[in-house]
Amino acid sequence: MSQRFTLSADGASDAVLRSVLQWTLARFHPDIDHEIFVDDFRQFGKPKGGLLERLRSSIRNFPCEVLVVHRDAESQDPEIRLKEIQEAVAGLAGAHRVVMVVPVRMTEAWLLADEAAIRKAADYPLGRMDLNLPKVAELERLADPKARLHQTLEEASGYKGRRLRDFSAERAVHRVAELTATFEPVAGLSGFVRFRESLAKSLGEQ
């Protein structure tokens, strides 16, 4: 029987986590037959209210066995976000296994490790300009990973003037996630480790 996973994203741009979840399941839980649904508000709109209402809406729109809850830590201590998720989950009716995804700062930090994927997503795979990508150990200390990734994609495109203005870095971010061959380089980062541990626990593995 296939396990249905519903990813309740923090916002529309965080649908990139589908690729992260897909890779993590294939890498660490290859025996789990699964389907992944993403609730990023584009289909049904963002519900009014707080996190609890968001989760209720995600379950209603995409019934599942495993609910994957995403919150970016941003400027908050990740433990605060984790507690917010736990409190919201406690208010849900019915039994759902829950996976918590709380990247330090923002999800985009996990997309800054694959240079080839970034160049392909920027439509200039053979580009030779220095992208000055941060080292993996620095990713969770970036003040604004989203802005850094957007800037890097614009530089990788090689576009100038009007062509650069017409370039959609937001759209390219989704392509980076899809084109990333492996998330192994970032799998040891603290936020990713918490996610992996939460996933393993939800699947009954320690």
N, C-alpha and C. Protein backbone atom coordinates (compact mmCIF):
# COMPACT_ATOMS: atom_id res chain seq x y z
N MET A 1 0.85 -1.20 0.00
CA MET A 1 0.00 0.00 0.00
C MET A 1 0.88 1.25 0.00
N SER A 2 0.55 2.19 -0.85
CA SER A 2 1.34 3.40 -0.96
C SER A 2 1.05 4.35 0.20
N GLN A 3 2.11 4.94 0.73
CA GLN A 3 1.97 5.94 1.78
C GLN A 3 1.76 7.30 1.10
N ARG A 4 0.71 8.00 1.51
CA ARG A 4 0.45 9.33 0.95
C ARG A 4 1.06 10.39 1.87
N PHE A 5 1.92 11.20 1.28
CA PHE A 5 2.57 12.29 2.01
C PHE A 5 1.98 13.60 1.52
N THR A 6 1.53 14.44 2.44
CA THR A 6 1.08 15.78 2.08
C THR A 6 2.04 16.79 2.69
N LEU A 7 2.67 17.58 1.83
CA LEU A 7 3.58 18.63 2.28
C LEU A 7 2.80 19.93 2.42
N SER A 8 2.67 20.40 3.65
CA SER A 8 2.02 21.68 3.91
C SER A 8 3.11 22.73 3.96
N ALA A 9 3.24 23.50 2.88
CA ALA A 9 4.36 24.43 2.72
C ALA A 9 4.09 25.76 3.40
N ASP A 10 5.17 26.45 3.74
CA ASP A 10 5.08 27.77 4.35
C ASP A 10 4.56 28.80 3.35
N GLY A 11 4.89 28.62 2.08
CA GLY A 11 4.46 29.52 1.02
C GLY A 11 4.62 28.86 -0.33
N ALA A 12 4.17 29.53 -1.39
CA ALA A 12 4.19 28.95 -2.72
C ALA A 12 5.60 28.58 -3.18
N SER A 13 6.58 29.40 -2.82
CA SER A 13 7.95 29.14 -3.28
C SER A 13 8.54 27.88 -2.65
N ASP A 14 7.95 27.44 -1.54
CA ASP A 14 8.51 26.29 -0.82
C ASP A 14 8.04 24.95 -1.36
N ALA A 15 7.35 24.96 -2.48
CA ALA A 15 7.01 23.70 -3.15
C ALA A 15 8.27 22.97 -3.60
N VAL A 16 9.42 23.68 -3.60
CA VAL A 16 10.70 23.04 -3.96
C VAL A 16 11.01 21.90 -3.00
N LEU A 17 10.40 21.89 -1.81
CA LEU A 17 10.65 20.83 -0.85
C LEU A 17 10.15 19.48 -1.32
N ARG A 18 9.30 19.47 -2.33
CA ARG A 18 8.87 18.19 -2.89
C ARG A 18 10.08 17.40 -3.38
N SER A 19 10.99 18.08 -4.07
CA SER A 19 12.18 17.42 -4.58
C SER A 19 13.07 16.93 -3.44
N VAL A 20 13.15 17.72 -2.37
CA VAL A 20 13.94 17.33 -1.21
C VAL A 20 13.35 16.09 -0.56
N LEU A 21 12.04 16.07 -0.38
CA LEU A 21 11.37 14.93 0.22
C LEU A 21 11.50 13.70 -0.67
N GLN A 22 11.33 13.88 -1.96
CA GLN A 22 11.44 12.76 -2.90
C GLN A 22 12.83 12.14 -2.83
N TRP A 23 13.87 12.97 -2.82
CA TRP A 23 15.24 12.46 -2.76
C TRP A 23 15.49 11.75 -1.43
N THR A 24 15.03 12.34 -0.34
CA THR A 24 15.28 11.77 0.99
C THR A 24 14.61 10.41 1.15
N LEU A 25 13.40 10.29 0.65
CA LEU A 25 12.72 8.99 0.71
C LEU A 25 13.46 7.95 -0.12
N ALA A 26 13.87 8.34 -1.32
CA ALA A 26 14.59 7.40 -2.20
C ALA A 26 15.94 7.01 -1.60
N ARG A 27 16.61 7.96 -0.96
CA ARG A 27 17.96 7.72 -0.43
C ARG A 27 17.94 6.94 0.88
N PHE A 28 17.05 7.29 1.79
CA PHE A 28 17.09 6.70 3.12
C PHE A 28 15.96 5.71 3.40
N HIS A 29 14.91 5.74 2.58
CA HIS A 29 13.77 4.84 2.79
C HIS A 29 13.31 4.26 1.45
N PRO A 30 14.20 3.59 0.74
CA PRO A 30 13.87 3.13 -0.61
C PRO A 30 12.75 2.10 -0.69
N ASP A 31 12.43 1.47 0.44
CA ASP A 31 11.38 0.44 0.44
C ASP A 31 9.99 1.02 0.63
N ILE A 32 9.90 2.33 0.87
CA ILE A 32 8.60 2.95 1.10
C ILE A 32 7.96 3.35 -0.23
N ASP A 33 6.87 2.71 -0.58
CA ASP A 33 6.10 3.11 -1.76
C ASP A 33 5.31 4.35 -1.38
N HIS A 34 5.39 5.40 -2.19
CA HIS A 34 4.79 6.65 -1.73
C HIS A 34 4.25 7.51 -2.87
N GLU A 35 3.33 8.39 -2.47
CA GLU A 35 2.85 9.49 -3.31
C GLU A 35 3.07 10.78 -2.52
N ILE A 36 3.42 11.84 -3.22
CA ILE A 36 3.65 13.12 -2.56
C ILE A 36 2.71 14.18 -3.14
N PHE A 37 1.96 14.82 -2.25
CA PHE A 37 1.11 15.94 -2.63
C PHE A 37 1.64 17.20 -1.97
N VAL A 38 1.52 18.32 -2.64
CA VAL A 38 2.03 19.58 -2.11
C VAL A 38 0.89 20.58 -2.01
N ASP A 39 0.69 21.09 -0.81
CA ASP A 39 -0.29 22.16 -0.62
C ASP A 39 0.49 23.46 -0.42
N ASP A 40 0.61 24.23 -1.51
CA ASP A 40 1.35 25.49 -1.45
C ASP A 40 0.45 26.69 -1.72
N PHE A 41 -0.87 26.49 -1.54
CA PHE A 41 -1.88 27.55 -1.59
C PHE A 41 -2.28 27.96 -3.01
N ARG A 42 -1.53 27.50 -4.01
CA ARG A 42 -1.85 27.97 -5.37
C ARG A 42 -3.15 27.38 -5.89
N GLN A 43 -3.50 26.18 -5.45
CA GLN A 43 -4.72 25.54 -5.96
C GLN A 43 -5.96 25.93 -5.17
N PHE A 44 -5.84 25.98 -3.84
CA PHE A 44 -7.02 26.22 -3.00
C PHE A 44 -6.97 27.54 -2.25
N GLY A 45 -5.87 28.26 -2.36
CA GLY A 45 -5.74 29.51 -1.63
C GLY A 45 -5.28 29.29 -0.20
N LYS A 46 -4.73 30.35 0.39
CA LYS A 46 -4.21 30.25 1.76
C LYS A 46 -5.35 30.46 2.75
N PRO A 47 -5.54 29.52 3.67
CA PRO A 47 -6.65 29.65 4.64
C PRO A 47 -6.39 30.77 5.63
N LYS A 48 -7.46 31.34 6.13
CA LYS A 48 -7.32 32.36 7.17
C LYS A 48 -7.00 31.68 8.49
N GLY A 49 -6.30 32.40 9.34
CA GLY A 49 -5.94 31.83 10.64
C GLY A 49 -4.48 31.45 10.68
N GLY A 50 -4.09 30.78 11.72
CA GLY A 50 -2.70 30.42 11.94
C GLY A 50 -2.32 29.07 11.38
N LEU A 51 -1.26 28.51 11.96
CA LEU A 51 -0.70 27.25 11.46
C LEU A 51 -1.69 26.10 11.58
N LEU A 52 -2.45 26.04 12.65
CA LEU A 52 -3.41 24.95 12.82
C LEU A 52 -4.42 24.93 11.67
N GLU A 53 -4.95 26.09 11.30
CA GLU A 53 -5.91 26.15 10.20
C GLU A 53 -5.26 25.76 8.88
N ARG A 54 -3.99 26.13 8.73
CA ARG A 54 -3.26 25.74 7.51
C ARG A 54 -3.15 24.23 7.41
N LEU A 55 -2.85 23.58 8.52
CA LEU A 55 -2.69 22.12 8.51
C LEU A 55 -4.03 21.43 8.28
N ARG A 56 -5.08 21.96 8.91
CA ARG A 56 -6.41 21.39 8.68
C ARG A 56 -6.80 21.48 7.21
N SER A 57 -6.49 22.62 6.60
CA SER A 57 -6.80 22.82 5.19
C SER A 57 -6.01 21.85 4.32
N SER A 58 -4.72 21.66 4.63
CA SER A 58 -3.89 20.75 3.84
C SER A 58 -4.41 19.33 3.89
N ILE A 59 -4.82 18.89 5.09
CA ILE A 59 -5.35 17.52 5.24
C ILE A 59 -6.67 17.37 4.51
N ARG A 60 -7.49 18.41 4.59
CA ARG A 60 -8.78 18.37 3.91
C ARG A 60 -8.59 18.33 2.39
N ASN A 61 -7.67 19.12 1.89
CA ASN A 61 -7.46 19.18 0.44
C ASN A 61 -6.69 17.99 -0.10
N PHE A 62 -5.76 17.46 0.72
CA PHE A 62 -4.93 16.35 0.28
C PHE A 62 -4.83 15.31 1.40
N PRO A 63 -5.86 14.45 1.54
CA PRO A 63 -5.85 13.44 2.60
C PRO A 63 -4.58 12.58 2.52
N CYS A 64 -4.04 12.23 3.68
CA CYS A 64 -2.75 11.55 3.69
C CYS A 64 -2.58 10.69 4.94
N GLU A 65 -1.54 9.86 4.90
CA GLU A 65 -1.11 9.14 6.09
C GLU A 65 -0.01 9.89 6.82
N VAL A 66 0.80 10.63 6.06
CA VAL A 66 1.93 11.35 6.65
C VAL A 66 1.83 12.83 6.27
N LEU A 67 1.77 13.67 7.29
CA LEU A 67 1.68 15.12 7.08
C LEU A 67 3.07 15.71 7.28
N VAL A 68 3.58 16.37 6.26
CA VAL A 68 4.90 16.99 6.32
C VAL A 68 4.69 18.50 6.51
N VAL A 69 5.12 19.01 7.65
CA VAL A 69 4.86 20.40 8.00
C VAL A 69 6.15 21.21 7.88
N HIS A 70 6.09 22.24 7.05
CA HIS A 70 7.28 23.07 6.82
C HIS A 70 7.11 24.45 7.42
N ARG A 71 8.13 24.87 8.15
CA ARG A 71 8.24 26.25 8.61
C ARG A 71 9.71 26.67 8.49
N ASP A 72 9.99 27.78 7.83
CA ASP A 72 11.34 28.31 7.83
C ASP A 72 11.62 28.93 9.19
N ALA A 73 12.84 28.72 9.70
CA ALA A 73 13.19 29.31 10.99
C ALA A 73 13.35 30.82 10.86
N GLU A 74 13.88 31.29 9.68
CA GLU A 74 14.15 32.70 9.44
C GLU A 74 14.99 33.26 10.58
N SER A 75 14.51 34.27 11.29
CA SER A 75 15.33 34.87 12.35
C SER A 75 15.07 34.23 13.71
N GLN A 76 14.17 33.25 13.75
CA GLN A 76 13.81 32.60 15.01
C GLN A 76 14.73 31.41 15.30
N ASP A 77 14.80 31.06 16.57
CA ASP A 77 15.45 29.82 16.97
C ASP A 77 14.63 28.67 16.38
N PRO A 78 15.26 27.71 15.68
CA PRO A 78 14.50 26.59 15.12
C PRO A 78 13.63 25.87 16.15
N GLU A 79 14.08 25.84 17.41
CA GLU A 79 13.30 25.16 18.44
C GLU A 79 11.95 25.83 18.65
N ILE A 80 11.88 27.14 18.43
CA ILE A 80 10.61 27.85 18.56
C ILE A 80 9.65 27.39 17.48
N ARG A 81 10.15 27.26 16.26
CA ARG A 81 9.32 26.79 15.14
C ARG A 81 8.85 25.35 15.38
N LEU A 82 9.75 24.52 15.87
CA LEU A 82 9.39 23.12 16.14
C LEU A 82 8.28 23.05 17.19
N LYS A 83 8.37 23.89 18.21
CA LYS A 83 7.33 23.91 19.24
C LYS A 83 6.01 24.39 18.66
N GLU A 84 6.05 25.39 17.78
CA GLU A 84 4.83 25.88 17.13
C GLU A 84 4.15 24.76 16.34
N ILE A 85 4.95 23.97 15.65
CA ILE A 85 4.40 22.85 14.88
C ILE A 85 3.77 21.82 15.81
N GLN A 86 4.47 21.48 16.88
CA GLN A 86 3.95 20.48 17.82
C GLN A 86 2.63 20.93 18.43
N GLU A 87 2.54 22.20 18.77
CA GLU A 87 1.30 22.72 19.37
C GLU A 87 0.16 22.70 18.36
N ALA A 88 0.45 23.03 17.10
CA ALA A 88 -0.59 23.01 16.07
C ALA A 88 -1.05 21.59 15.79
N VAL A 89 -0.11 20.67 15.71
CA VAL A 89 -0.44 19.27 15.43
C VAL A 89 -1.33 18.70 16.54
N ALA A 90 -1.09 19.14 17.78
CA ALA A 90 -1.89 18.64 18.91
C ALA A 90 -3.36 19.01 18.76
N GLY A 91 -3.65 20.03 17.97
CA GLY A 91 -5.03 20.46 17.77
C GLY A 91 -5.74 19.78 16.61
N LEU A 92 -5.04 18.91 15.90
CA LEU A 92 -5.64 18.23 14.76
C LEU A 92 -6.50 17.05 15.22
N ALA A 93 -7.59 16.84 14.53
CA ALA A 93 -8.43 15.67 14.80
C ALA A 93 -7.90 14.49 13.98
N GLY A 94 -8.05 13.30 14.53
CA GLY A 94 -7.61 12.11 13.79
C GLY A 94 -6.13 11.85 14.01
N ALA A 95 -5.71 10.69 13.56
CA ALA A 95 -4.32 10.27 13.74
C ALA A 95 -3.53 10.51 12.46
N HIS A 96 -2.49 11.30 12.58
CA HIS A 96 -1.60 11.56 11.45
C HIS A 96 -0.16 11.47 11.92
N ARG A 97 0.63 10.76 11.16
CA ARG A 97 2.07 10.80 11.42
C ARG A 97 2.59 12.12 10.86
N VAL A 98 3.47 12.75 11.60
CA VAL A 98 3.90 14.09 11.24
C VAL A 98 5.41 14.15 11.07
N VAL A 99 5.83 14.82 9.99
CA VAL A 99 7.24 15.10 9.74
C VAL A 99 7.43 16.60 9.81
N MET A 100 8.42 17.05 10.57
CA MET A 100 8.67 18.48 10.72
C MET A 100 9.90 18.89 9.90
N VAL A 101 9.72 19.91 9.07
CA VAL A 101 10.81 20.43 8.24
C VAL A 101 11.03 21.88 8.62
N VAL A 102 12.14 22.15 9.31
CA VAL A 102 12.45 23.51 9.75
C VAL A 102 13.89 23.83 9.36
N PRO A 103 14.10 24.29 8.12
CA PRO A 103 15.45 24.70 7.73
C PRO A 103 15.91 25.89 8.55
N VAL A 104 17.20 25.92 8.88
CA VAL A 104 17.76 27.10 9.53
C VAL A 104 17.70 28.24 8.51
N ARG A 105 17.13 29.35 8.89
CA ARG A 105 16.86 30.48 7.98
C ARG A 105 15.77 30.11 6.97
N MET A 106 16.18 29.62 5.78
CA MET A 106 15.21 29.38 4.71
C MET A 106 15.57 28.13 3.90
N THR A 107 14.56 27.57 3.25
CA THR A 107 14.74 26.39 2.41
C THR A 107 15.80 26.61 1.33
N GLU A 108 15.87 27.82 0.79
CA GLU A 108 16.77 28.10 -0.33
C GLU A 108 18.23 27.79 -0.01
N ALA A 109 18.59 27.75 1.28
CA ALA A 109 19.96 27.42 1.65
C ALA A 109 20.34 26.03 1.16
N TRP A 110 19.37 25.12 1.11
CA TRP A 110 19.64 23.74 0.68
C TRP A 110 19.82 23.64 -0.83
N LEU A 111 19.53 24.72 -1.55
CA LEU A 111 19.62 24.70 -3.01
C LEU A 111 20.86 25.41 -3.53
N LEU A 112 21.76 25.75 -2.63
CA LEU A 112 22.96 26.50 -3.02
C LEU A 112 24.20 25.62 -3.09
N ALA A 113 24.01 24.30 -3.12
CA ALA A 113 25.17 23.41 -3.08
C ALA A 113 25.47 22.73 -4.41
N ASP A 114 24.55 22.79 -5.37
CA ASP A 114 24.74 22.09 -6.65
C ASP A 114 24.94 23.13 -7.76
N GLU A 115 26.19 23.42 -8.07
CA GLU A 115 26.50 24.45 -9.06
C GLU A 115 25.96 24.10 -10.44
N ALA A 116 26.06 22.83 -10.82
CA ALA A 116 25.57 22.40 -12.13
C ALA A 116 24.07 22.63 -12.26
N ALA A 117 23.32 22.33 -11.21
CA ALA A 117 21.87 22.53 -11.23
C ALA A 117 21.53 24.00 -11.35
N ILE A 118 22.28 24.84 -10.66
CA ILE A 118 22.04 26.29 -10.73
C ILE A 118 22.29 26.81 -12.14
N ARG A 119 23.39 26.38 -12.75
CA ARG A 119 23.69 26.84 -14.11
C ARG A 119 22.65 26.36 -15.11
N LYS A 120 22.20 25.12 -14.97
CA LYS A 120 21.18 24.59 -15.88
C LYS A 120 19.86 25.34 -15.69
N ALA A 121 19.51 25.60 -14.42
CA ALA A 121 18.25 26.29 -14.14
C ALA A 121 18.27 27.72 -14.68
N ALA A 122 19.47 28.30 -14.78
CA ALA A 122 19.62 29.65 -15.31
C ALA A 122 19.75 29.67 -16.82
N ASP A 123 19.61 28.50 -17.45
CA ASP A 123 19.66 28.36 -18.91
C ASP A 123 21.03 28.68 -19.50
N TYR A 124 22.07 28.48 -18.72
CA TYR A 124 23.43 28.70 -19.22
C TYR A 124 24.34 27.64 -18.60
N PRO A 125 24.09 26.36 -18.95
CA PRO A 125 24.83 25.26 -18.31
C PRO A 125 26.33 25.28 -18.55
N LEU A 126 26.77 25.91 -19.63
CA LEU A 126 28.20 25.94 -19.95
C LEU A 126 28.86 27.24 -19.51
N GLY A 127 28.16 28.03 -18.70
CA GLY A 127 28.71 29.29 -18.22
C GLY A 127 29.99 29.07 -17.42
N ARG A 128 30.88 30.02 -17.50
CA ARG A 128 32.16 29.91 -16.81
C ARG A 128 32.38 31.03 -15.78
N MET A 129 31.41 31.91 -15.63
CA MET A 129 31.57 32.98 -14.65
C MET A 129 31.63 32.40 -13.23
N ASP A 130 32.42 33.01 -12.37
CA ASP A 130 32.56 32.54 -11.00
C ASP A 130 31.31 32.91 -10.21
N LEU A 131 30.61 31.92 -9.70
CA LEU A 131 29.37 32.16 -8.96
C LEU A 131 29.62 32.41 -7.47
N ASN A 132 30.85 32.17 -7.05
CA ASN A 132 31.21 32.44 -5.65
C ASN A 132 30.21 31.82 -4.68
N LEU A 133 29.90 30.54 -4.90
CA LEU A 133 28.95 29.86 -4.03
C LEU A 133 29.53 29.69 -2.63
N PRO A 134 28.70 29.84 -1.62
CA PRO A 134 29.21 29.64 -0.25
C PRO A 134 29.55 28.18 0.00
N LYS A 135 30.46 27.95 0.92
CA LYS A 135 30.77 26.58 1.31
C LYS A 135 29.57 25.99 2.04
N VAL A 136 29.41 24.67 1.96
CA VAL A 136 28.27 24.03 2.60
C VAL A 136 28.20 24.37 4.08
N ALA A 137 29.34 24.41 4.74
CA ALA A 137 29.37 24.71 6.18
C ALA A 137 28.86 26.11 6.50
N GLU A 138 28.82 26.98 5.49
CA GLU A 138 28.38 28.36 5.70
C GLU A 138 26.90 28.57 5.41
N LEU A 139 26.25 27.60 4.80
CA LEU A 139 24.89 27.80 4.29
C LEU A 139 23.89 28.19 5.37
N GLU A 140 23.99 27.57 6.54
CA GLU A 140 23.01 27.86 7.58
C GLU A 140 23.30 29.17 8.30
N ARG A 141 24.40 29.83 7.94
CA ARG A 141 24.72 31.12 8.54
C ARG A 141 24.41 32.29 7.61
N LEU A 142 23.92 31.99 6.40
CA LEU A 142 23.58 33.06 5.46
C LEU A 142 22.40 33.87 6.00
N ALA A 143 22.51 35.18 5.92
CA ALA A 143 21.44 36.04 6.45
C ALA A 143 20.16 35.92 5.63
N ASP A 144 20.29 35.79 4.30
CA ASP A 144 19.11 35.74 3.43
C ASP A 144 19.39 34.77 2.27
N PRO A 145 19.25 33.46 2.49
CA PRO A 145 19.53 32.48 1.44
C PRO A 145 18.70 32.67 0.18
N LYS A 146 17.46 33.13 0.34
CA LYS A 146 16.61 33.33 -0.82
C LYS A 146 17.18 34.40 -1.73
N ALA A 147 17.56 35.54 -1.16
CA ALA A 147 18.14 36.62 -1.96
C ALA A 147 19.45 36.16 -2.59
N ARG A 148 20.25 35.40 -1.84
CA ARG A 148 21.53 34.93 -2.36
C ARG A 148 21.33 33.99 -3.55
N LEU A 149 20.34 33.10 -3.45
CA LEU A 149 20.08 32.18 -4.55
C LEU A 149 19.56 32.92 -5.77
N HIS A 150 18.67 33.87 -5.57
CA HIS A 150 18.15 34.66 -6.70
C HIS A 150 19.28 35.41 -7.39
N GLN A 151 20.14 36.04 -6.60
CA GLN A 151 21.27 36.78 -7.16
C GLN A 151 22.20 35.84 -7.93
N THR A 152 22.45 34.67 -7.37
CA THR A 152 23.34 33.69 -8.02
C THR A 152 22.75 33.23 -9.35
N LEU A 153 21.46 32.99 -9.39
CA LEU A 153 20.80 32.56 -10.63
C LEU A 153 20.89 33.66 -11.69
N GLU A 154 20.70 34.89 -11.28
CA GLU A 154 20.79 36.00 -12.23
C GLU A 154 22.20 36.11 -12.79
N GLU A 155 23.20 35.93 -11.93
CA GLU A 155 24.59 35.97 -12.39
C GLU A 155 24.88 34.79 -13.31
N ALA A 156 24.37 33.62 -12.96
CA ALA A 156 24.61 32.41 -13.75
C ALA A 156 23.95 32.49 -15.12
N SER A 157 22.88 33.28 -15.25
CA SER A 157 22.19 33.40 -16.53
C SER A 157 23.02 34.12 -17.58
N GLY A 158 23.90 34.99 -17.11
CA GLY A 158 24.71 35.78 -18.04
C GLY A 158 23.94 36.89 -18.72
N TYR A 159 22.67 37.06 -18.34
CA TYR A 159 21.84 38.08 -18.99
C TYR A 159 22.19 39.48 -18.49
N LYS A 160 21.93 40.44 -19.36
CA LYS A 160 22.10 41.86 -19.04
C LYS A 160 20.86 42.63 -19.50
N GLY A 161 20.70 43.80 -18.94
CA GLY A 161 19.63 44.69 -19.40
C GLY A 161 18.25 44.08 -19.39
N ARG A 162 17.55 44.22 -20.51
CA ARG A 162 16.16 43.79 -20.58
C ARG A 162 16.02 42.29 -20.38
N ARG A 163 16.95 41.50 -20.94
CA ARG A 163 16.86 40.05 -20.78
C ARG A 163 16.98 39.65 -19.31
N LEU A 164 17.79 40.36 -18.57
CA LEU A 164 17.91 40.08 -17.14
C LEU A 164 16.62 40.47 -16.42
N ARG A 165 16.03 41.59 -16.81
CA ARG A 165 14.78 42.02 -16.17
C ARG A 165 13.66 41.03 -16.45
N ASP A 166 13.71 40.37 -17.60
CA ASP A 166 12.68 39.40 -17.96
C ASP A 166 12.94 38.02 -17.36
N PHE A 167 14.11 37.83 -16.82
CA PHE A 167 14.48 36.53 -16.24
C PHE A 167 13.77 36.34 -14.90
N SER A 168 13.10 35.21 -14.72
CA SER A 168 12.38 34.94 -13.48
C SER A 168 13.22 34.04 -12.57
N ALA A 169 13.86 34.66 -11.59
CA ALA A 169 14.65 33.88 -10.64
C ALA A 169 13.75 32.96 -9.82
N GLU A 170 12.55 33.41 -9.52
CA GLU A 170 11.61 32.60 -8.73
C GLU A 170 11.30 31.29 -9.45
N ARG A 171 11.04 31.39 -10.75
CA ARG A 171 10.76 30.18 -11.52
C ARG A 171 12.00 29.29 -11.61
N ALA A 172 13.15 29.94 -11.73
CA ALA A 172 14.40 29.18 -11.84
C ALA A 172 14.71 28.42 -10.56
N VAL A 173 14.30 28.95 -9.41
CA VAL A 173 14.53 28.26 -8.14
C VAL A 173 13.88 26.88 -8.16
N HIS A 174 12.67 26.80 -8.68
CA HIS A 174 11.99 25.51 -8.75
C HIS A 174 12.75 24.54 -9.65
N ARG A 175 13.34 25.06 -10.69
CA ARG A 175 14.14 24.22 -11.58
C ARG A 175 15.41 23.74 -10.90
N VAL A 176 16.00 24.58 -10.06
CA VAL A 176 17.18 24.15 -9.31
C VAL A 176 16.86 22.91 -8.49
N ALA A 177 15.73 22.96 -7.78
CA ALA A 177 15.34 21.82 -6.94
C ALA A 177 15.13 20.57 -7.79
N GLU A 178 14.46 20.72 -8.92
CA GLU A 178 14.19 19.58 -9.78
C GLU A 178 15.46 19.01 -10.42
N LEU A 179 16.44 19.88 -10.68
CA LEU A 179 17.65 19.47 -11.38
C LEU A 179 18.78 19.04 -10.44
N THR A 180 18.61 19.28 -9.15
CA THR A 180 19.65 18.88 -8.21
C THR A 180 19.78 17.36 -8.20
N ALA A 181 20.96 16.88 -8.52
CA ALA A 181 21.17 15.44 -8.65
C ALA A 181 21.14 14.74 -7.30
N THR A 182 21.65 15.39 -6.28
CA THR A 182 21.68 14.80 -4.94
C THR A 182 21.74 15.90 -3.90
N PHE A 183 21.05 15.66 -2.79
CA PHE A 183 21.11 16.58 -1.67
C PHE A 183 22.08 16.08 -0.60
N GLU A 184 22.89 15.09 -0.99
CA GLU A 184 23.87 14.52 -0.06
C GLU A 184 24.78 15.59 0.56
N PRO A 185 25.26 16.59 -0.20
CA PRO A 185 26.15 17.59 0.40
C PRO A 185 25.53 18.35 1.57
N VAL A 186 24.19 18.53 1.56
CA VAL A 186 23.55 19.30 2.64
C VAL A 186 22.84 18.40 3.66
N ALA A 187 22.92 17.09 3.45
CA ALA A 187 22.19 16.17 4.32
C ALA A 187 22.73 16.14 5.74
N GLY A 188 23.95 16.69 5.94
CA GLY A 188 24.52 16.74 7.28
C GLY A 188 24.30 18.04 8.00
N LEU A 189 23.67 19.01 7.35
CA LEU A 189 23.36 20.29 8.00
C LEU A 189 22.31 20.07 9.09
N SER A 190 22.37 20.86 10.14
CA SER A 190 21.52 20.62 11.31
C SER A 190 20.03 20.58 10.96
N GLY A 191 19.58 21.51 10.12
CA GLY A 191 18.17 21.53 9.76
C GLY A 191 17.76 20.30 8.97
N PHE A 192 18.66 19.84 8.09
CA PHE A 192 18.36 18.66 7.29
C PHE A 192 18.38 17.42 8.16
N VAL A 193 19.32 17.36 9.10
CA VAL A 193 19.38 16.20 10.00
C VAL A 193 18.10 16.11 10.82
N ARG A 194 17.60 17.24 11.34
CA ARG A 194 16.34 17.22 12.09
C ARG A 194 15.20 16.69 11.23
N PHE A 195 15.17 17.13 9.98
CA PHE A 195 14.14 16.66 9.05
C PHE A 195 14.26 15.15 8.84
N ARG A 196 15.47 14.66 8.59
CA ARG A 196 15.68 13.23 8.38
C ARG A 196 15.27 12.41 9.59
N GLU A 197 15.61 12.90 10.78
CA GLU A 197 15.25 12.19 12.01
C GLU A 197 13.75 12.18 12.21
N SER A 198 13.09 13.29 11.92
CA SER A 198 11.64 13.36 12.05
C SER A 198 10.96 12.42 11.06
N LEU A 199 11.49 12.36 9.85
CA LEU A 199 10.94 11.46 8.84
C LEU A 199 11.10 10.00 9.27
N ALA A 200 12.29 9.65 9.75
CA ALA A 200 12.53 8.27 10.19
C ALA A 200 11.60 7.89 11.32
N LYS A 201 11.40 8.82 12.26
CA LYS A 201 10.51 8.55 13.39
C LYS A 201 9.07 8.34 12.94
N SER A 202 8.64 9.16 11.97
CA SER A 202 7.26 9.03 11.49
C SER A 202 7.02 7.71 10.76
N LEU A 203 8.10 7.17 10.21
CA LEU A 203 7.99 5.91 9.49
C LEU A 203 8.30 4.71 10.37
N GLY A 204 8.45 4.96 11.67
CA GLY A 204 8.66 3.89 12.62
C GLY A 204 10.08 3.39 12.69
N GLU A 205 11.04 4.23 12.21
CA GLU A 205 12.43 3.85 12.25
C GLU A 205 13.17 4.80 13.18
N GLN A 206 14.14 4.28 13.89
CA GLN A 206 14.94 5.09 14.82
C GLN A 206 16.37 5.19 14.33
